[in-house]
Amino acid sequence: MKISEIRDLLGAELLCGEDCLDHEVYSACCSDMMSDVLAYVKDQGVLLTGLVNSQVIRTANMMDMVCVVFVRNKVPTEEMISLARECGIVVMRTACRAYEGCGILYSEGLGRGAENV
């Protein structure tokens, strides 16, 4: 699924990464606990979270994620957006709750296994 499709499905506002909207992603995860993302997440392209601090962007960068979506209309700081630009990470925000956003993406085929790759 392209990042632009994720934006459209979630009705998300793009905050940075306009040049990466055609990037394909194959899976997503959702967590507000960056320690869990570091410990358990492998091969995820998109992170949905309600946590708004620079550690989210740093964690996404360490885990080679290409997109962060802030749920519940959370607004990242300019410092976070600047860091995401430096790291080449797309940042969006959506009014969806985390559960809703994950459900929408899963129902549209994101992260259902190797047959989608």
C-alpha atoms as a PDB file:
ATOM      1  CA  MET A   1       0.000   0.000   0.000  1.00  0.00           C
ATOM      2  CA  LYS A   2       1.301   3.451  -0.831  1.00  0.00           C
ATOM      3  CA  ILE A   3       1.677   6.058   1.893  1.00  0.00           C
ATOM      4  CA  SER A   4      -0.696   8.280  -0.085  1.00  0.00           C
ATOM      5  CA  GLU A   5      -3.365   5.574   0.260  1.00  0.00           C
ATOM      6  CA  ILE A   6      -2.814   5.488   4.028  1.00  0.00           C
ATOM      7  CA  ARG A   7      -3.271   9.261   4.120  1.00  0.00           C
ATOM      8  CA  ASP A   8      -6.509   9.002   2.173  1.00  0.00           C
ATOM      9  CA  LEU A   9      -7.914   6.043   4.125  1.00  0.00           C
ATOM     10  CA  LEU A  10      -7.271   7.721   7.474  1.00  0.00           C
ATOM     11  CA  GLY A  11      -8.281  11.197   6.317  1.00  0.00           C
ATOM     12  CA  ALA A  12      -4.881  12.266   7.581  1.00  0.00           C
ATOM     13  CA  GLU A  13      -3.161  15.611   7.310  1.00  0.00           C
ATOM     14  CA  LEU A  14       0.329  15.386   5.830  1.00  0.00           C
ATOM     15  CA  LEU A  15       2.833  17.314   7.961  1.00  0.00           C
ATOM     16  CA  CYS A  16       6.052  16.389   6.149  1.00  0.00           C
ATOM     17  CA  GLY A  17       7.363  13.946   3.569  1.00  0.00           C
ATOM     18  CA  GLU A  18       5.462  15.077   0.487  1.00  0.00           C
ATOM     19  CA  ASP A  19       8.122  13.532  -1.740  1.00  0.00           C
ATOM     20  CA  CYS A  20       7.648  10.051  -0.222  1.00  0.00           C
ATOM     21  CA  LEU A  21       3.909   9.560  -0.752  1.00  0.00           C
ATOM     22  CA  ASP A  22       4.499   6.963  -3.479  1.00  0.00           C
ATOM     23  CA  HIS A  23       6.615   4.819  -1.147  1.00  0.00           C
ATOM     24  CA  GLU A  24       5.163   1.306  -0.687  1.00  0.00           C
ATOM     25  CA  VAL A  25       4.694  -0.101   2.808  1.00  0.00           C
ATOM     26  CA  TYR A  26       3.636  -3.621   3.698  1.00  0.00           C
ATOM     27  CA  SER A  27       2.944  -3.512   7.417  1.00  0.00           C
ATOM     28  CA  ALA A  28       2.140  -1.277  10.355  1.00  0.00           C
ATOM     29  CA  CYS A  29       2.200  -1.292  14.120  1.00  0.00           C
ATOM     30  CA  CYS A  30       0.567   0.755  16.835  1.00  0.00           C
ATOM     31  CA  SER A  31       2.004   1.615  20.226  1.00  0.00           C
ATOM     32  CA  ASP A  32       2.478   4.456  22.676  1.00  0.00           C
ATOM     33  CA  MET A  33       5.314   2.531  24.328  1.00  0.00           C
ATOM     34  CA  MET A  34       8.497   3.097  22.337  1.00  0.00           C
ATOM     35  CA  SER A  35      10.252   0.429  24.406  1.00  0.00           C
ATOM     36  CA  ASP A  36       7.755  -2.106  23.013  1.00  0.00           C
ATOM     37  CA  VAL A  37       8.365  -0.860  19.491  1.00  0.00           C
ATOM     38  CA  LEU A  38      12.107  -1.341  19.994  1.00  0.00           C
ATOM     39  CA  ALA A  39      11.688  -4.767  21.601  1.00  0.00           C
ATOM     40  CA  TYR A  40       9.019  -6.403  19.460  1.00  0.00           C
ATOM     41  CA  VAL A  41       8.574  -4.632  16.150  1.00  0.00           C
ATOM     42  CA  LYS A  42      10.321  -6.021  13.094  1.00  0.00           C
ATOM     43  CA  ASP A  43       9.889  -5.019   9.462  1.00  0.00           C
ATOM     44  CA  GLN A  44       7.186  -2.431  10.083  1.00  0.00           C
ATOM     45  CA  GLY A  45       6.786   0.465   7.688  1.00  0.00           C
ATOM     46  CA  VAL A  46       4.233   2.589   9.548  1.00  0.00           C
ATOM     47  CA  LEU A  47       3.884   3.498  13.215  1.00  0.00           C
ATOM     48  CA  LEU A  48       0.551   4.722  14.571  1.00  0.00           C
ATOM     49  CA  THR A  49       0.829   6.377  17.969  1.00  0.00           C
ATOM     50  CA  GLY A  50      -0.733   8.852  20.329  1.00  0.00           C
ATOM     51  CA  LEU A  51       2.582   9.641  21.988  1.00  0.00           C
ATOM     52  CA  VAL A  52       3.926  13.033  20.977  1.00  0.00           C
ATOM     53  CA  ASN A  53       7.604  13.493  21.730  1.00  0.00           C
ATOM     54  CA  SER A  54      10.864  13.347  19.800  1.00  0.00           C
ATOM     55  CA  GLN A  55      11.507   9.764  20.939  1.00  0.00           C
ATOM     56  CA  VAL A  56       8.775   8.642  18.557  1.00  0.00           C
ATOM     57  CA  ILE A  57      10.709   9.961  15.566  1.00  0.00           C
ATOM     58  CA  ARG A  58      14.028   8.652  16.920  1.00  0.00           C
ATOM     59  CA  THR A  59      12.506   5.211  17.484  1.00  0.00           C
ATOM     60  CA  ALA A  60      10.927   5.147  14.025  1.00  0.00           C
ATOM     61  CA  ASN A  61      14.285   6.072  12.520  1.00  0.00           C
ATOM     62  CA  MET A  62      16.122   3.358  14.466  1.00  0.00           C
ATOM     63  CA  MET A  63      13.584   0.771  13.310  1.00  0.00           C
ATOM     64  CA  ASP A  64      13.760   1.907   9.657  1.00  0.00           C
ATOM     65  CA  MET A  65      10.110   2.969   9.618  1.00  0.00           C
ATOM     66  CA  VAL A  66       9.118   5.322   6.833  1.00  0.00           C
ATOM     67  CA  CYS A  67       5.926   6.839   8.225  1.00  0.00           C
ATOM     68  CA  VAL A  68       4.532   7.964  11.584  1.00  0.00           C
ATOM     69  CA  VAL A  69       0.831   8.692  11.989  1.00  0.00           C
ATOM     70  CA  PHE A  70      -0.249  10.553  15.110  1.00  0.00           C
ATOM     71  CA  VAL A  71      -3.766   9.540  16.127  1.00  0.00           C
ATOM     72  CA  ARG A  72      -6.491  11.521  17.930  1.00  0.00           C
ATOM     73  CA  ASN A  73      -5.367  14.694  16.129  1.00  0.00           C
ATOM     74  CA  LYS A  74      -2.211  14.897  18.211  1.00  0.00           C
ATOM     75  CA  VAL A  75       0.069  17.662  16.976  1.00  0.00           C
ATOM     76  CA  PRO A  76       3.823  17.043  16.845  1.00  0.00           C
ATOM     77  CA  THR A  77       6.175  19.920  17.581  1.00  0.00           C
ATOM     78  CA  GLU A  78       8.121  21.730  14.882  1.00  0.00           C
ATOM     79  CA  GLU A  79      11.263  20.118  16.331  1.00  0.00           C
ATOM     80  CA  MET A  80       9.757  16.673  15.740  1.00  0.00           C
ATOM     81  CA  ILE A  81       8.746  17.536  12.188  1.00  0.00           C
ATOM     82  CA  SER A  82      12.210  18.913  11.477  1.00  0.00           C
ATOM     83  CA  LEU A  83      13.818  15.740  12.844  1.00  0.00           C
ATOM     84  CA  ALA A  84      11.486  13.608  10.721  1.00  0.00           C
ATOM     85  CA  ARG A  85      12.479  15.591   7.613  1.00  0.00           C
ATOM     86  CA  GLU A  86      16.158  14.981   8.408  1.00  0.00           C
ATOM     87  CA  CYS A  87      15.458  11.265   8.776  1.00  0.00           C
ATOM     88  CA  GLY A  88      13.276  11.017   5.657  1.00  0.00           C
ATOM     89  CA  ILE A  89      10.193   9.974   7.635  1.00  0.00           C
ATOM     90  CA  VAL A  90       6.683  10.926   6.543  1.00  0.00           C
ATOM     91  CA  VAL A  91       4.607  12.438   9.361  1.00  0.00           C
ATOM     92  CA  MET A  92       0.825  12.664   9.369  1.00  0.00           C
ATOM     93  CA  ARG A  93      -1.943  13.181  11.886  1.00  0.00           C
ATOM     94  CA  THR A  94      -5.471  11.837  11.875  1.00  0.00           C
ATOM     95  CA  ALA A  95      -8.624  12.277  13.919  1.00  0.00           C
ATOM     96  CA  CYS A  96      -8.950   8.477  14.107  1.00  0.00           C
ATOM     97  CA  ARG A  97      -8.354   6.700  17.376  1.00  0.00           C
ATOM     98  CA  ALA A  98      -5.538   4.153  17.289  1.00  0.00           C
ATOM     99  CA  TYR A  99      -7.888   1.167  17.248  1.00  0.00           C
ATOM    100  CA  GLU A 100      -9.956   2.643  14.435  1.00  0.00           C
ATOM    101  CA  GLY A 101      -6.903   3.563  12.342  1.00  0.00           C
ATOM    102  CA  CYS A 102      -5.407   0.098  12.677  1.00  0.00           C
ATOM    103  CA  GLY A 103      -8.715  -1.505  11.786  1.00  0.00           C
ATOM    104  CA  ILE A 104      -9.101   0.599   8.662  1.00  0.00           C
ATOM    105  CA  LEU A 105      -5.588  -0.177   7.450  1.00  0.00           C
ATOM    106  CA  TYR A 106      -5.913  -3.888   8.215  1.00  0.00           C
ATOM    107  CA  SER A 107      -9.304  -4.155   6.517  1.00  0.00           C
ATOM    108  CA  GLU A 108      -7.795  -2.586   3.404  1.00  0.00           C
ATOM    109  CA  GLY A 109      -5.063  -5.233   3.292  1.00  0.00           C
ATOM    110  CA  LEU A 110      -2.076  -3.678   5.064  1.00  0.00           C
ATOM    111  CA  GLY A 111      -0.066  -6.228   6.999  1.00  0.00           C
ATOM    112  CA  ARG A 112      -1.945  -9.397   6.152  1.00  0.00           C
ATOM    113  CA  GLY A 113       1.134 -11.397   5.257  1.00  0.00           C
ATOM    114  CA  ALA A 114       3.543 -12.182   2.470  1.00  0.00           C
ATOM    115  CA  GLU A 115       0.838 -12.617  -0.148  1.00  0.00           C
ATOM    116  CA  ASN A 116       0.401  -8.836  -0.152  1.00  0.00           C
ATOM    117  CA  VAL A 117       4.039  -8.112  -0.903  1.00  0.00           C
END
